[in-house]
Amino acid sequence: MIFILSQIEVLEPRNVPFCDGFYAHPAPFLWLRTIRYCYEWMDVKDLLLMTMLARATLVLAEHRPETVSHAAALMRDHEAVFLEEPPDGQFQQMLRGDLPVEDYVLTLDAEYPAFIHSMCLALRELSVMGISIYQVEPYLEHLVAIHEFFSSGGSPEKLDPHHVQYEVYLAEKQATAALLDFYKTATAGSFEETLESVKRFARVDSRRFLVRDRMRAKALAPMIRRFNKSYIEAGQIHYLLWRMIRQDLGDSVTVRPHFLMACVVKALGISRHLYGPGDILTLRYILRPDLPDPMEDLLAGRALIYNKLIRKDEMTDGNEPYPHIRDELQVIEVVKQLTLKNCAELFLLLRRATTEEARAVVAHSLRSAGKKAFPYTE
């Protein structure tokens, strides 16, 4: 017999460290029925069987230039990499070297072109090493097809209501409507009205993520079975995807989530995780959609301020190895100090402010109250 650490489901909230070795999870800040660690006895033969099973790692990280080297290092330890993007014929040309990386990046409407460029170079090297690389994101693939259908003269009425594309269409339609309502309300509405629009959008967005993740899990399962070690790329909001994949695979493959930058977050020592208040609110709706949430107003209020403070342009500061992570952690720590009343007062001051103006206003407000304001940049 051997004493090991394993994971089980529990009914009570637990405060579990965010980064515990290789795997981590957002349990500390969800305050929900979630996962805790417990010790249990297991036969050596059972432990050996676990180590012999195929392994799939859901790697959670945002698309930032500073994550590329960490992702590439972990990808080298896997036989297959499944990217979070729809199939693209030119991507394979780029991997083979038939299309220059610079030319490929120009074909994309990339929010973070420096990340895409660095990742493409890393993926090309991995492909040469014999690692299989796939683009698997059926929801986005259907969305592209819908856009092409509409651009060629199609209309929503011509979509087959029994086809999976119609489910994607409805999810996008509802999320877009909720987002536009938020933009309209945030521009001219009261703080209370804007708060409600934030919560409405987060709820609709949570349902869209569930549709998207179910589709991806179903598409990934048969592909993962072909390999002993699979790396699955995903944004942090897709935390629940690892459980969906595990359900589809059964006991034939060990599936675990891994927060790519968790150890960097821990080393920086600013905050315990990289989830902003808006993402936390959305995750709470994803994990417990029917559970009354006394924190939702505060999270929605903090999300409004967070979105005004966070720097949105891609940063590649040579003097700072983790500019995005440091900025996100600092803003998370700043907004964690805000009460709902603070958020209401700041909302009116920040409504039309630029990022730098908003940071100055919030810094002054916090200092006046004897609180910390971006202490790591002063």
Protein backbone atom coordinates (compact mmCIF):
# COMPACT_ATOMS: atom_id res chain seq x y z
CA MET A 1 0.00 0.00 0.00
CA ILE A 2 1.09 3.60 -0.59
CA PHE A 3 -0.14 6.95 0.76
CA ILE A 4 -0.90 9.42 -2.03
CA LEU A 5 -2.53 12.78 -2.63
CA SER A 6 -5.64 12.71 -4.80
CA GLN A 7 -8.64 14.86 -5.69
CA ILE A 8 -12.26 14.26 -4.71
CA GLU A 9 -15.50 16.21 -4.93
CA VAL A 10 -16.77 17.76 -1.68
CA LEU A 11 -19.89 19.64 -0.65
CA GLU A 12 -18.33 22.33 1.51
CA PRO A 13 -16.20 25.31 0.42
CA ARG A 14 -12.48 24.97 0.97
CA ASN A 15 -9.57 27.40 0.86
CA VAL A 16 -7.02 25.48 -1.21
CA PRO A 17 -3.67 26.99 -2.27
CA PHE A 18 -3.79 28.28 -5.85
CA CYS A 19 -0.49 26.76 -7.00
CA ASP A 20 0.13 23.32 -5.58
CA GLY A 21 2.87 21.69 -7.62
CA PHE A 22 2.08 20.93 -11.25
CA TYR A 23 -1.69 21.30 -11.14
CA ALA A 24 -3.70 24.19 -9.79
CA HIS A 25 -7.30 25.35 -9.72
CA PRO A 26 -9.30 28.49 -8.89
CA ALA A 27 -11.08 27.02 -5.87
CA PRO A 28 -9.82 29.66 -3.37
CA PHE A 29 -11.83 32.48 -4.88
CA LEU A 30 -14.91 30.63 -6.17
CA TRP A 31 -16.21 29.79 -2.68
CA LEU A 32 -18.37 27.03 -4.13
CA ARG A 33 -18.87 23.29 -3.87
CA THR A 34 -15.64 22.40 -5.57
CA ILE A 35 -12.47 20.34 -5.26
CA ARG A 36 -10.35 19.66 -2.25
CA TYR A 37 -7.32 17.49 -1.73
CA CYS A 38 -7.43 14.49 0.54
CA TYR A 39 -5.15 11.63 1.42
CA GLU A 40 -6.18 8.09 0.68
CA TRP A 41 -4.60 4.68 0.58
CA MET A 42 -4.01 3.04 -2.76
CA ASP A 43 -2.39 -0.18 -3.87
CA VAL A 44 0.95 0.17 -5.63
CA LYS A 45 -0.44 -1.69 -8.64
CA ASP A 46 -3.25 0.88 -8.91
CA LEU A 47 -0.76 3.73 -8.74
CA LEU A 48 1.36 2.12 -11.43
CA LEU A 49 -1.73 1.71 -13.59
CA MET A 50 -2.41 5.46 -13.25
CA THR A 51 1.10 6.30 -14.43
CA MET A 52 0.69 3.99 -17.44
CA LEU A 53 -2.54 5.64 -18.60
CA ALA A 54 -2.50 8.14 -21.41
CA ARG A 55 -2.41 11.70 -20.11
CA ALA A 56 -4.13 14.85 -21.35
CA THR A 57 -3.24 18.23 -19.87
CA LEU A 58 -5.62 21.17 -20.22
CA VAL A 59 -3.20 24.11 -20.15
CA LEU A 60 -4.94 27.30 -19.06
CA ALA A 61 -3.34 30.60 -20.09
CA GLU A 62 -4.09 33.82 -21.92
CA HIS A 63 -2.58 34.78 -25.27
CA ARG A 64 0.33 36.93 -24.12
CA PRO A 65 3.87 37.11 -25.54
CA GLU A 66 5.34 36.26 -22.13
CA THR A 67 3.56 32.89 -22.02
CA VAL A 68 5.08 31.50 -25.24
CA SER A 69 8.36 30.19 -23.83
CA HIS A 70 6.54 28.47 -20.95
CA ALA A 71 3.99 26.93 -23.29
CA ALA A 72 6.63 25.73 -25.77
CA ALA A 73 8.66 24.10 -22.98
CA LEU A 74 5.62 22.18 -21.77
CA MET A 75 4.53 21.27 -25.30
CA ARG A 76 7.88 19.50 -25.84
CA ASP A 77 6.84 16.97 -23.22
CA HIS A 78 3.75 15.96 -25.21
CA GLU A 79 3.11 13.98 -28.38
CA ALA A 80 0.26 16.16 -29.62
CA VAL A 81 -0.78 19.78 -29.20
CA PHE A 82 -4.39 20.88 -29.67
CA LEU A 83 -4.69 24.61 -30.26
CA GLU A 84 -7.69 26.73 -29.33
CA GLU A 85 -8.49 27.93 -32.85
CA PRO A 86 -10.45 26.78 -35.92
CA PRO A 87 -8.66 24.87 -38.71
CA ASP A 88 -6.80 27.04 -41.20
CA GLY A 89 -5.19 25.66 -44.37
CA GLN A 90 -2.49 28.33 -44.34
CA PHE A 91 -1.52 27.31 -40.81
CA GLN A 92 -0.27 23.95 -42.06
CA GLN A 93 1.66 25.71 -44.85
CA MET A 94 3.30 27.88 -42.19
CA LEU A 95 4.22 24.84 -40.09
CA ARG A 96 5.84 23.14 -43.09
CA GLY A 97 7.82 26.28 -43.88
CA ASP A 98 6.03 26.87 -47.18
CA LEU A 99 4.63 30.17 -45.88
CA PRO A 100 6.76 32.66 -43.90
CA VAL A 101 5.52 33.29 -40.36
CA GLU A 102 5.39 37.04 -41.04
CA ASP A 103 3.11 36.52 -44.05
CA TYR A 104 0.88 34.13 -42.12
CA VAL A 105 0.42 36.60 -39.24
CA LEU A 106 -0.65 39.26 -41.74
CA THR A 107 -3.53 37.03 -42.88
CA LEU A 108 -4.97 36.98 -39.35
CA ASP A 109 -7.04 39.56 -37.51
CA ALA A 110 -4.86 39.05 -34.46
CA GLU A 111 -5.48 40.97 -31.25
CA TYR A 112 -1.97 40.05 -30.07
CA PRO A 113 0.24 39.80 -33.18
CA ALA A 114 3.50 39.54 -31.20
CA PHE A 115 2.10 36.51 -29.37
CA ILE A 116 0.96 34.90 -32.62
CA HIS A 117 4.33 35.50 -34.26
CA SER A 118 6.32 34.04 -31.36
CA MET A 119 3.95 31.09 -30.97
CA CYS A 120 4.11 30.27 -34.68
CA LEU A 121 7.90 30.15 -34.54
CA ALA A 122 7.73 27.85 -31.51
CA LEU A 123 5.10 25.60 -33.11
CA ARG A 124 7.16 25.28 -36.28
CA GLU A 125 10.11 24.03 -34.22
CA LEU A 126 7.87 21.58 -32.38
CA SER A 127 6.47 20.31 -35.68
CA VAL A 128 10.01 19.64 -36.93
CA MET A 129 10.60 17.63 -33.74
CA GLY A 130 7.71 15.35 -34.73
CA ILE A 131 5.06 16.70 -32.37
CA SER A 132 1.59 16.62 -33.94
CA ILE A 133 -0.18 19.99 -33.93
CA TYR A 134 -3.91 20.41 -34.52
CA GLN A 135 -6.34 23.32 -34.54
CA VAL A 136 -9.50 22.18 -32.75
CA GLU A 137 -12.22 24.69 -31.91
CA PRO A 138 -15.53 23.59 -33.49
CA TYR A 139 -17.56 26.46 -32.04
CA LEU A 140 -15.36 29.05 -33.75
CA GLU A 141 -15.26 26.90 -36.87
CA HIS A 142 -19.07 26.98 -37.04
CA LEU A 143 -19.04 30.71 -36.32
CA VAL A 144 -16.71 31.34 -39.28
CA ALA A 145 -19.01 29.25 -41.48
CA ILE A 146 -22.04 31.28 -40.32
CA HIS A 147 -20.29 34.55 -41.17
CA GLU A 148 -19.39 33.20 -44.60
CA PHE A 149 -22.99 32.06 -45.09
CA PHE A 150 -24.34 35.52 -44.24
CA SER A 151 -21.73 37.30 -46.40
CA SER A 152 -22.80 35.17 -49.38
CA GLY A 153 -26.42 36.29 -49.04
CA GLY A 154 -27.74 33.87 -46.42
CA SER A 155 -30.02 34.94 -43.58
CA PRO A 156 -30.85 33.61 -40.09
CA GLU A 157 -34.18 32.30 -41.39
CA LYS A 158 -32.31 29.99 -43.77
CA LEU A 159 -30.29 28.32 -41.00
CA ASP A 160 -31.41 24.80 -40.13
CA PRO A 161 -32.79 24.98 -36.56
CA HIS A 162 -31.82 21.33 -36.05
CA HIS A 163 -28.18 21.87 -37.07
CA VAL A 164 -25.43 22.57 -34.54
CA GLN A 165 -24.68 25.83 -36.33
CA TYR A 166 -28.06 27.15 -35.25
CA GLU A 167 -27.10 26.59 -31.61
CA VAL A 168 -23.92 28.59 -32.22
CA TYR A 169 -25.92 31.31 -33.96
CA LEU A 170 -28.34 31.64 -31.03
CA ALA A 171 -25.54 31.69 -28.46
CA GLU A 172 -23.72 34.43 -30.35
CA LYS A 173 -26.88 36.41 -30.97
CA GLN A 174 -27.81 36.41 -27.29
CA ALA A 175 -24.27 37.26 -26.14
CA THR A 176 -23.91 40.06 -28.67
CA ALA A 177 -27.26 41.56 -27.66
CA ALA A 178 -26.28 41.46 -23.97
CA LEU A 179 -22.90 43.03 -24.73
CA LEU A 180 -24.44 45.84 -26.78
CA ASP A 181 -26.92 46.45 -23.98
CA PHE A 182 -24.01 46.74 -21.55
CA TYR A 183 -22.16 49.22 -23.78
CA LYS A 184 -25.31 51.35 -24.12
CA THR A 185 -26.07 51.28 -20.41
CA ALA A 186 -22.46 51.93 -19.36
CA THR A 187 -22.45 55.05 -21.54
CA ALA A 188 -25.61 56.71 -20.26
CA GLY A 189 -27.19 54.57 -17.53
CA SER A 190 -26.91 54.74 -13.77
CA PHE A 191 -24.44 52.65 -11.78
CA GLU A 192 -27.25 50.32 -10.66
CA GLU A 193 -28.50 49.85 -14.23
CA THR A 194 -24.96 49.21 -15.47
CA LEU A 195 -24.41 46.70 -12.67
CA GLU A 196 -27.45 44.74 -13.82
CA SER A 197 -26.24 44.82 -17.44
CA VAL A 198 -22.86 43.42 -16.35
CA LYS A 199 -24.55 40.53 -14.57
CA ARG A 200 -26.88 39.86 -17.50
CA PHE A 201 -23.96 39.69 -19.91
CA ALA A 202 -21.93 37.45 -17.59
CA ARG A 203 -24.85 35.02 -17.31
CA VAL A 204 -25.40 34.91 -21.08
CA ASP A 205 -21.66 34.62 -21.67
CA SER A 206 -21.43 31.74 -19.22
CA ARG A 207 -24.03 29.82 -21.25
CA ARG A 208 -22.09 30.55 -24.44
CA PHE A 209 -18.90 29.18 -22.88
CA LEU A 210 -20.72 26.00 -21.84
CA VAL A 211 -21.93 25.45 -25.42
CA ARG A 212 -18.46 26.11 -26.77
CA ASP A 213 -16.69 23.85 -24.27
CA ARG A 214 -19.10 20.96 -24.78
CA MET A 215 -18.49 21.10 -28.52
CA ARG A 216 -14.74 21.20 -28.08
CA ALA A 217 -14.68 18.37 -25.55
CA LYS A 218 -16.67 16.15 -27.91
CA ALA A 219 -14.33 16.94 -30.81
CA LEU A 220 -11.17 16.47 -28.76
CA ALA A 221 -11.99 13.13 -27.11
CA PRO A 222 -11.45 10.80 -30.12
CA MET A 223 -8.28 12.70 -31.11
CA ILE A 224 -6.79 12.53 -27.61
CA ARG A 225 -7.24 8.74 -27.54
CA ARG A 226 -4.68 8.44 -30.34
CA PHE A 227 -1.84 9.80 -28.18
CA ASN A 228 -0.21 8.98 -24.87
CA LYS A 229 0.44 12.62 -23.92
CA SER A 230 -1.76 15.46 -25.16
CA TYR A 231 -1.43 19.21 -24.59
CA ILE A 232 -4.73 21.11 -24.87
CA GLU A 233 -4.53 24.89 -25.16
CA ALA A 234 -7.34 26.90 -23.52
CA GLY A 235 -8.04 30.31 -22.06
CA GLN A 236 -8.45 30.46 -18.30
CA ILE A 237 -12.20 30.98 -18.55
CA HIS A 238 -12.48 27.43 -19.95
CA TYR A 239 -11.57 25.81 -16.63
CA LEU A 240 -14.56 23.45 -16.72
CA LEU A 241 -13.41 22.01 -20.06
CA TRP A 242 -11.09 19.51 -18.36
CA ARG A 243 -14.04 17.89 -16.58
CA MET A 244 -16.04 17.70 -19.82
CA ILE A 245 -13.11 16.05 -21.60
CA ARG A 246 -12.69 13.60 -18.74
CA GLN A 247 -16.37 12.67 -18.94
CA ASP A 248 -16.10 12.04 -22.69
CA LEU A 249 -12.91 9.99 -22.36
CA GLY A 250 -13.91 7.90 -19.36
CA ASP A 251 -11.16 6.08 -17.49
CA SER A 252 -8.89 5.47 -20.48
CA VAL A 253 -7.05 8.81 -20.16
CA THR A 254 -6.00 10.85 -17.14
CA VAL A 255 -7.12 14.46 -17.62
CA ARG A 256 -5.87 17.31 -15.45
CA PRO A 257 -5.93 21.12 -15.60
CA HIS A 258 -2.70 23.07 -15.40
CA PHE A 259 -2.39 26.84 -14.96
CA LEU A 260 0.60 27.61 -17.18
CA MET A 261 1.73 30.75 -15.37
CA ALA A 262 0.79 29.72 -11.82
CA CYS A 263 4.37 29.47 -10.60
CA VAL A 264 5.22 32.86 -12.13
CA VAL A 265 2.19 34.33 -10.36
CA LYS A 266 3.36 32.79 -7.11
CA ALA A 267 6.93 34.06 -7.58
CA LEU A 268 5.78 37.63 -8.26
CA GLY A 269 3.90 37.55 -4.96
CA ILE A 270 1.39 40.26 -5.89
CA SER A 271 -1.85 38.28 -6.06
CA ARG A 272 -2.77 34.61 -5.86
CA HIS A 273 -4.38 34.23 -9.29
CA LEU A 274 -4.90 35.85 -12.69
CA TYR A 275 -8.69 36.00 -12.72
CA GLY A 276 -10.21 39.48 -12.83
CA PRO A 277 -13.56 40.08 -11.09
CA GLY A 278 -15.51 39.78 -14.35
CA ASP A 279 -14.02 36.37 -15.09
CA ILE A 280 -14.68 35.23 -11.52
CA LEU A 281 -18.32 36.29 -11.87
CA THR A 282 -18.65 34.42 -15.16
CA LEU A 283 -16.98 31.30 -13.72
CA ARG A 284 -19.33 31.32 -10.75
CA TYR A 285 -22.28 31.38 -13.17
CA ILE A 286 -20.69 28.57 -15.20
CA LEU A 287 -20.08 26.32 -12.21
CA ARG A 288 -23.25 27.06 -10.23
CA PRO A 289 -25.77 28.83 -12.51
CA ASP A 290 -28.71 28.39 -10.12
CA LEU A 291 -26.88 29.12 -6.86
CA PRO A 292 -27.77 32.49 -5.22
CA ASP A 293 -24.61 34.57 -5.15
CA PRO A 294 -24.26 37.32 -2.52
CA MET A 295 -20.98 38.39 -4.15
CA GLU A 296 -22.30 39.08 -7.65
CA ASP A 297 -23.01 42.80 -7.18
CA LEU A 298 -19.56 43.44 -5.72
CA LEU A 299 -17.84 41.39 -8.44
CA ALA A 300 -19.82 43.21 -11.15
CA GLY A 301 -18.94 46.59 -9.63
CA ARG A 302 -15.26 45.72 -9.37
CA ALA A 303 -15.33 44.41 -12.95
CA LEU A 304 -16.46 47.85 -14.16
CA ILE A 305 -13.46 49.50 -12.49
CA TYR A 306 -11.05 46.70 -13.47
CA ASN A 307 -11.94 47.13 -17.15
CA LYS A 308 -11.09 50.83 -16.95
CA LEU A 309 -7.72 50.19 -15.28
CA ILE A 310 -6.30 47.24 -17.18
CA ARG A 311 -3.90 47.99 -20.04
CA LYS A 312 -5.34 46.40 -23.16
CA ASP A 313 -2.62 46.90 -25.76
CA GLU A 314 -0.05 44.19 -26.29
CA MET A 315 3.08 44.89 -24.23
CA THR A 316 6.58 43.60 -24.99
CA ASP A 317 8.73 45.51 -22.50
CA GLY A 318 12.30 44.23 -22.69
CA ASN A 319 12.97 45.31 -19.09
CA GLU A 320 9.94 43.44 -17.71
CA PRO A 321 9.66 39.73 -18.56
CA TYR A 322 5.97 39.55 -17.56
CA PRO A 323 4.39 42.95 -18.30
CA HIS A 324 0.83 41.68 -18.83
CA ILE A 325 0.87 39.36 -15.83
CA ARG A 326 2.32 42.01 -13.53
CA ASP A 327 -0.22 44.59 -14.72
CA GLU A 328 -3.15 42.19 -14.32
CA LEU A 329 -2.05 41.13 -10.85
CA GLN A 330 -1.62 44.72 -9.71
CA VAL A 331 -5.05 45.76 -10.99
CA ILE A 332 -6.64 42.71 -9.36
CA GLU A 333 -5.10 43.70 -6.03
CA VAL A 334 -6.23 47.31 -6.44
CA VAL A 335 -9.88 46.49 -7.15
CA LYS A 336 -10.01 43.91 -4.35
CA GLN A 337 -9.81 46.86 -1.95
CA LEU A 338 -12.98 48.46 -3.35
CA THR A 339 -16.37 48.23 -1.69
CA LEU A 340 -19.57 48.43 -3.73
CA LYS A 341 -19.92 52.05 -2.59
CA ASN A 342 -16.38 52.79 -3.80
CA CYS A 343 -17.22 51.27 -7.18
CA ALA A 344 -20.37 53.40 -7.49
CA GLU A 345 -18.46 56.60 -6.73
CA LEU A 346 -15.58 55.76 -9.08
CA PHE A 347 -17.87 54.63 -11.91
CA LEU A 348 -19.18 58.16 -12.47
CA LEU A 349 -15.66 59.59 -12.44
CA LEU A 350 -14.23 56.97 -14.81
CA ARG A 351 -17.07 56.60 -17.31
CA ARG A 352 -15.29 58.57 -20.06
CA ALA A 353 -11.72 58.42 -18.73
CA THR A 354 -8.78 56.88 -20.58
CA THR A 355 -6.85 54.04 -18.96
CA GLU A 356 -4.13 56.32 -17.63
CA GLU A 357 -6.64 58.89 -16.41
CA ALA A 358 -8.61 56.15 -14.67
CA ARG A 359 -5.50 54.80 -12.97
CA ALA A 360 -4.64 58.27 -11.67
CA VAL A 361 -8.15 58.83 -10.31
CA VAL A 362 -8.28 55.44 -8.58
CA ALA A 363 -4.76 55.83 -7.19
CA HIS A 364 -5.68 59.22 -5.68
CA SER A 365 -8.90 57.82 -4.22
CA LEU A 366 -7.18 54.86 -2.60
CA ARG A 367 -4.29 56.92 -1.22
CA SER A 368 -6.77 59.36 0.29
CA ALA A 369 -8.38 56.43 2.07
CA GLY A 370 -5.01 55.13 3.28
CA LYS A 371 -5.03 52.17 0.91
CA LYS A 372 -2.45 50.88 -1.57
CA ALA A 373 -2.56 51.97 -5.21
CA PHE A 374 -0.32 50.18 -7.72
CA PRO A 375 2.44 49.85 -5.07
CA TYR A 376 4.75 47.81 -7.29
CA THR A 377 5.12 50.53 -9.93
CA GLU A 378 5.97 53.43 -7.65
